[in-house]
Amino acid sequence: MNAYSPSAFPPEKWAAIVDRPALEKSLDKIREIVRDPNQGLFGPDSVTWRVIAPLPVLSIGLFQAGLLEAPHPYVGFGTAKHSRVAKDPLGRFERSIRAFFDWYFG
């Protein structure tokens, strides 16, 4: 077994990463910080909005993130096991763009 083997990170260890109470606690902190949920996590006055607002920036950034994450063994294993990206890469890309737009722009 090596670090690149899926058996190096079996499902019984997944709960140690983030459990439900920890996730809810983190989400509560985010809800306290966000002024207007309709404006995403950062708001229109943020640097994030100014950098990401031009449409090509977000799509190029997502493409680059995918290229960087894909070789990581845990990401590859999780993607192969739980994602439809191999069967529908454009659909996966579209869902990612929609999620990021929701996070950033509300």
N, C-alpha and C. Protein backbone atom coordinates (compact mmCIF):
# COMPACT_ATOMS: atom_id res chain seq x y z
N MET A 1 0.85 -1.19 0.00
CA MET A 1 0.00 0.00 0.00
C MET A 1 0.89 1.25 0.00
N ASN A 2 0.58 2.20 -0.86
CA ASN A 2 1.30 3.46 -0.87
C ASN A 2 0.30 4.61 -0.80
N ALA A 3 0.81 5.83 -0.75
CA ALA A 3 -0.06 7.01 -0.60
C ALA A 3 -0.97 7.22 -1.80
N TYR A 4 -0.64 6.59 -2.93
CA TYR A 4 -1.44 6.78 -4.12
C TYR A 4 -2.51 5.71 -4.29
N SER A 5 -2.56 4.79 -3.38
CA SER A 5 -3.54 3.72 -3.43
C SER A 5 -4.82 4.13 -2.72
N PRO A 6 -5.99 3.84 -3.30
CA PRO A 6 -7.24 4.17 -2.59
C PRO A 6 -7.33 3.50 -1.23
N SER A 7 -6.68 2.37 -1.06
CA SER A 7 -6.73 1.70 0.23
C SER A 7 -5.95 2.46 1.30
N ALA A 8 -5.14 3.43 0.89
CA ALA A 8 -4.42 4.26 1.86
C ALA A 8 -5.36 5.21 2.58
N PHE A 9 -6.55 5.38 2.03
CA PHE A 9 -7.52 6.30 2.62
C PHE A 9 -8.90 5.66 2.58
N PRO A 10 -9.11 4.63 3.39
CA PRO A 10 -10.38 3.90 3.36
C PRO A 10 -11.53 4.73 3.93
N PRO A 11 -12.76 4.38 3.56
CA PRO A 11 -13.94 5.15 3.99
C PRO A 11 -14.06 5.32 5.50
N GLU A 12 -13.61 4.35 6.28
CA GLU A 12 -13.74 4.50 7.74
C GLU A 12 -12.91 5.67 8.28
N LYS A 13 -11.96 6.17 7.52
CA LYS A 13 -11.19 7.34 7.94
C LYS A 13 -11.83 8.65 7.51
N TRP A 14 -12.81 8.59 6.62
CA TRP A 14 -13.42 9.81 6.09
C TRP A 14 -14.09 10.62 7.18
N ALA A 15 -14.73 9.99 8.12
CA ALA A 15 -15.44 10.71 9.18
C ALA A 15 -14.49 11.54 10.03
N ALA A 16 -13.22 11.15 10.06
CA ALA A 16 -12.25 11.89 10.85
C ALA A 16 -11.91 13.23 10.21
N ILE A 17 -12.20 13.38 8.94
CA ILE A 17 -11.87 14.62 8.26
C ILE A 17 -12.86 15.71 8.65
N VAL A 18 -14.12 15.50 8.39
CA VAL A 18 -15.16 16.46 8.75
C VAL A 18 -16.39 15.66 9.18
N ASP A 19 -16.82 15.88 10.39
CA ASP A 19 -18.06 15.25 10.81
C ASP A 19 -19.19 16.28 10.75
N ARG A 20 -20.40 15.84 10.86
CA ARG A 20 -21.56 16.71 10.71
C ARG A 20 -21.54 17.89 11.69
N PRO A 21 -21.28 17.68 13.00
CA PRO A 21 -21.27 18.83 13.92
C PRO A 21 -20.21 19.87 13.55
N ALA A 22 -19.04 19.41 13.12
CA ALA A 22 -17.99 20.36 12.73
C ALA A 22 -18.41 21.15 11.49
N LEU A 23 -19.04 20.47 10.54
CA LEU A 23 -19.53 21.16 9.35
C LEU A 23 -20.58 22.20 9.71
N GLU A 24 -21.54 21.83 10.54
CA GLU A 24 -22.58 22.77 10.94
C GLU A 24 -22.00 23.97 11.69
N LYS A 25 -21.02 23.73 12.52
CA LYS A 25 -20.37 24.82 13.27
C LYS A 25 -19.69 25.79 12.29
N SER A 26 -19.01 25.24 11.31
CA SER A 26 -18.36 26.09 10.31
C SER A 26 -19.37 26.88 9.50
N LEU A 27 -20.46 26.23 9.12
CA LEU A 27 -21.50 26.93 8.35
C LEU A 27 -22.16 28.03 9.18
N ASP A 28 -22.34 27.80 10.48
CA ASP A 28 -22.89 28.84 11.35
C ASP A 28 -21.97 30.06 11.39
N LYS A 29 -20.66 29.83 11.43
CA LYS A 29 -19.70 30.95 11.44
C LYS A 29 -19.80 31.74 10.13
N ILE A 30 -19.94 31.02 9.02
CA ILE A 30 -20.06 31.69 7.72
C ILE A 30 -21.35 32.51 7.68
N ARG A 31 -22.44 31.95 8.18
CA ARG A 31 -23.72 32.68 8.18
C ARG A 31 -23.63 33.96 9.01
N GLU A 32 -22.83 33.95 10.08
CA GLU A 32 -22.67 35.16 10.90
C GLU A 32 -21.91 36.25 10.15
N ILE A 33 -20.99 35.85 9.31
CA ILE A 33 -20.12 36.80 8.61
C ILE A 33 -20.81 37.41 7.39
N VAL A 34 -21.58 36.60 6.66
CA VAL A 34 -22.20 37.04 5.41
C VAL A 34 -23.30 38.07 5.71
N ARG A 35 -23.15 39.24 5.11
CA ARG A 35 -24.13 40.31 5.34
C ARG A 35 -25.44 40.06 4.61
N ASP A 36 -25.34 39.70 3.35
CA ASP A 36 -26.53 39.47 2.54
C ASP A 36 -26.33 38.19 1.73
N PRO A 37 -27.01 37.12 2.09
CA PRO A 37 -26.83 35.86 1.38
C PRO A 37 -27.11 35.95 -0.12
N ASN A 38 -27.91 36.92 -0.52
CA ASN A 38 -28.19 37.08 -1.95
C ASN A 38 -26.99 37.62 -2.72
N GLN A 39 -25.95 38.04 -2.00
CA GLN A 39 -24.74 38.56 -2.66
C GLN A 39 -23.56 37.61 -2.49
N GLY A 40 -23.81 36.36 -2.16
CA GLY A 40 -22.74 35.39 -2.04
C GLY A 40 -21.94 35.57 -0.76
N LEU A 41 -20.80 34.93 -0.71
CA LEU A 41 -19.97 34.96 0.50
C LEU A 41 -19.22 36.26 0.68
N PHE A 42 -18.93 36.96 -0.41
CA PHE A 42 -18.00 38.08 -0.32
C PHE A 42 -18.62 39.46 -0.50
N GLY A 43 -19.58 39.58 -1.38
CA GLY A 43 -20.23 40.87 -1.59
C GLY A 43 -19.61 41.68 -2.70
N PRO A 44 -20.36 42.65 -3.23
CA PRO A 44 -19.94 43.39 -4.42
C PRO A 44 -18.74 44.31 -4.21
N ASP A 45 -18.41 44.64 -2.97
CA ASP A 45 -17.27 45.52 -2.73
C ASP A 45 -15.97 44.75 -2.56
N SER A 46 -16.01 43.44 -2.66
CA SER A 46 -14.83 42.63 -2.39
C SER A 46 -13.89 42.53 -3.60
N VAL A 47 -12.65 42.24 -3.31
CA VAL A 47 -11.67 42.00 -4.36
C VAL A 47 -12.08 40.77 -5.18
N THR A 48 -12.65 39.80 -4.50
CA THR A 48 -13.08 38.58 -5.19
C THR A 48 -14.06 38.90 -6.31
N TRP A 49 -15.02 39.75 -6.07
CA TRP A 49 -15.97 40.11 -7.12
C TRP A 49 -15.26 40.82 -8.27
N ARG A 50 -14.34 41.71 -7.95
CA ARG A 50 -13.66 42.45 -9.03
C ARG A 50 -12.78 41.54 -9.87
N VAL A 51 -12.17 40.52 -9.25
CA VAL A 51 -11.29 39.62 -9.99
C VAL A 51 -12.09 38.60 -10.79
N ILE A 52 -13.13 38.05 -10.18
CA ILE A 52 -13.87 36.95 -10.80
C ILE A 52 -15.00 37.43 -11.70
N ALA A 53 -15.42 38.67 -11.56
CA ALA A 53 -16.58 39.16 -12.32
C ALA A 53 -16.47 38.94 -13.83
N PRO A 54 -15.31 39.17 -14.45
CA PRO A 54 -15.25 38.86 -15.88
C PRO A 54 -15.44 37.36 -16.09
N LEU A 55 -16.43 36.98 -16.87
CA LEU A 55 -16.81 35.57 -17.02
C LEU A 55 -15.64 34.64 -17.36
N PRO A 56 -14.74 34.97 -18.27
CA PRO A 56 -13.69 34.01 -18.60
C PRO A 56 -12.78 33.67 -17.41
N VAL A 57 -12.63 34.57 -16.47
CA VAL A 57 -11.73 34.32 -15.34
C VAL A 57 -12.19 33.11 -14.54
N LEU A 58 -13.47 33.02 -14.25
CA LEU A 58 -13.98 31.91 -13.45
C LEU A 58 -13.85 30.59 -14.20
N SER A 59 -14.22 30.56 -15.45
CA SER A 59 -14.15 29.30 -16.19
C SER A 59 -12.70 28.84 -16.38
N ILE A 60 -11.80 29.76 -16.64
CA ILE A 60 -10.38 29.40 -16.78
C ILE A 60 -9.84 28.91 -15.43
N GLY A 61 -10.22 29.59 -14.36
CA GLY A 61 -9.77 29.17 -13.03
C GLY A 61 -10.28 27.79 -12.67
N LEU A 62 -11.52 27.48 -12.99
CA LEU A 62 -12.06 26.15 -12.71
C LEU A 62 -11.34 25.08 -13.53
N PHE A 63 -11.05 25.39 -14.77
CA PHE A 63 -10.31 24.44 -15.61
C PHE A 63 -8.93 24.16 -15.01
N GLN A 64 -8.23 25.23 -14.60
CA GLN A 64 -6.91 25.06 -13.99
C GLN A 64 -6.99 24.28 -12.68
N ALA A 65 -8.00 24.56 -11.88
CA ALA A 65 -8.18 23.83 -10.62
C ALA A 65 -8.38 22.34 -10.89
N GLY A 66 -9.16 22.04 -11.90
CA GLY A 66 -9.37 20.64 -12.26
C GLY A 66 -8.08 19.96 -12.68
N LEU A 67 -7.26 20.67 -13.44
CA LEU A 67 -5.98 20.10 -13.86
C LEU A 67 -5.04 19.87 -12.67
N LEU A 68 -5.09 20.77 -11.69
CA LEU A 68 -4.23 20.62 -10.52
C LEU A 68 -4.73 19.53 -9.58
N GLU A 69 -6.04 19.41 -9.44
CA GLU A 69 -6.60 18.45 -8.50
C GLU A 69 -6.61 17.02 -9.05
N ALA A 70 -6.81 16.87 -10.33
CA ALA A 70 -6.98 15.54 -10.91
C ALA A 70 -5.86 14.56 -10.57
N PRO A 71 -4.60 14.96 -10.58
CA PRO A 71 -3.55 13.99 -10.28
C PRO A 71 -3.47 13.57 -8.81
N HIS A 72 -4.10 14.31 -7.91
CA HIS A 72 -4.02 13.95 -6.50
C HIS A 72 -4.78 12.63 -6.27
N PRO A 73 -4.16 11.68 -5.60
CA PRO A 73 -4.80 10.36 -5.48
C PRO A 73 -6.14 10.38 -4.77
N TYR A 74 -6.30 11.16 -3.73
CA TYR A 74 -7.58 11.19 -3.01
C TYR A 74 -8.66 11.83 -3.86
N VAL A 75 -8.31 12.89 -4.57
CA VAL A 75 -9.28 13.55 -5.44
C VAL A 75 -9.67 12.62 -6.58
N GLY A 76 -8.68 11.98 -7.17
CA GLY A 76 -8.97 11.05 -8.26
C GLY A 76 -9.85 9.89 -7.82
N PHE A 77 -9.55 9.35 -6.65
CA PHE A 77 -10.35 8.24 -6.12
C PHE A 77 -11.77 8.69 -5.84
N GLY A 78 -11.92 9.83 -5.19
CA GLY A 78 -13.25 10.34 -4.87
C GLY A 78 -14.04 10.67 -6.12
N THR A 79 -13.36 11.25 -7.11
CA THR A 79 -14.03 11.59 -8.36
C THR A 79 -14.49 10.34 -9.09
N ALA A 80 -13.61 9.35 -9.17
CA ALA A 80 -13.96 8.12 -9.87
C ALA A 80 -15.12 7.40 -9.18
N LYS A 81 -15.16 7.48 -7.87
CA LYS A 81 -16.17 6.74 -7.13
C LYS A 81 -17.51 7.48 -7.04
N HIS A 82 -17.48 8.81 -6.98
CA HIS A 82 -18.70 9.55 -6.65
C HIS A 82 -19.12 10.60 -7.68
N SER A 83 -18.45 10.69 -8.81
CA SER A 83 -18.76 11.75 -9.76
C SER A 83 -19.12 11.17 -11.12
N ARG A 84 -19.85 11.97 -11.89
CA ARG A 84 -20.19 11.59 -13.26
C ARG A 84 -19.27 12.28 -14.26
N VAL A 85 -18.14 12.79 -13.81
CA VAL A 85 -17.28 13.58 -14.68
C VAL A 85 -16.76 12.77 -15.87
N ALA A 86 -16.50 11.49 -15.70
CA ALA A 86 -15.99 10.69 -16.83
C ALA A 86 -17.06 10.52 -17.91
N LYS A 87 -18.32 10.43 -17.50
CA LYS A 87 -19.41 10.24 -18.47
C LYS A 87 -19.94 11.56 -19.01
N ASP A 88 -19.81 12.63 -18.22
CA ASP A 88 -20.40 13.91 -18.59
C ASP A 88 -19.49 15.07 -18.14
N PRO A 89 -18.30 15.21 -18.76
CA PRO A 89 -17.37 16.26 -18.30
C PRO A 89 -17.92 17.67 -18.47
N LEU A 90 -18.63 17.94 -19.56
CA LEU A 90 -19.17 19.29 -19.75
C LEU A 90 -20.28 19.59 -18.74
N GLY A 91 -21.08 18.60 -18.42
CA GLY A 91 -22.12 18.78 -17.41
C GLY A 91 -21.50 19.05 -16.04
N ARG A 92 -20.42 18.33 -15.74
CA ARG A 92 -19.73 18.56 -14.46
C ARG A 92 -19.16 19.97 -14.41
N PHE A 93 -18.58 20.41 -15.52
CA PHE A 93 -18.02 21.76 -15.59
C PHE A 93 -19.12 22.80 -15.39
N GLU A 94 -20.26 22.58 -16.04
CA GLU A 94 -21.38 23.51 -15.90
C GLU A 94 -21.87 23.57 -14.44
N ARG A 95 -21.98 22.42 -13.79
CA ARG A 95 -22.42 22.39 -12.39
C ARG A 95 -21.41 23.11 -11.50
N SER A 96 -20.13 22.96 -11.79
CA SER A 96 -19.10 23.66 -11.01
C SER A 96 -19.22 25.18 -11.18
N ILE A 97 -19.40 25.62 -12.41
CA ILE A 97 -19.55 27.05 -12.65
C ILE A 97 -20.77 27.60 -11.91
N ARG A 98 -21.88 26.89 -11.97
CA ARG A 98 -23.09 27.35 -11.27
C ARG A 98 -22.85 27.43 -9.76
N ALA A 99 -22.18 26.42 -9.20
CA ALA A 99 -21.90 26.44 -7.76
C ALA A 99 -21.00 27.61 -7.40
N PHE A 100 -19.95 27.84 -8.17
CA PHE A 100 -19.04 28.95 -7.86
C PHE A 100 -19.75 30.30 -8.01
N PHE A 101 -20.58 30.44 -9.03
CA PHE A 101 -21.33 31.69 -9.16
C PHE A 101 -22.23 31.92 -7.96
N ASP A 102 -22.87 30.86 -7.49
CA ASP A 102 -23.70 31.00 -6.29
C ASP A 102 -22.87 31.41 -5.08
N TRP A 103 -21.71 30.78 -4.90
CA TRP A 103 -20.86 31.10 -3.75
C TRP A 103 -20.36 32.54 -3.80
N TYR A 104 -19.91 32.94 -4.99
CA TYR A 104 -19.28 34.25 -5.10
C TYR A 104 -20.28 35.39 -5.29
N PHE A 105 -21.31 35.16 -6.07
CA PHE A 105 -22.21 36.24 -6.43
C PHE A 105 -23.61 36.13 -5.87
N GLY A 106 -23.92 35.07 -5.16
CA GLY A 106 -25.22 34.91 -4.52
C GLY A 106 -26.28 34.37 -5.42
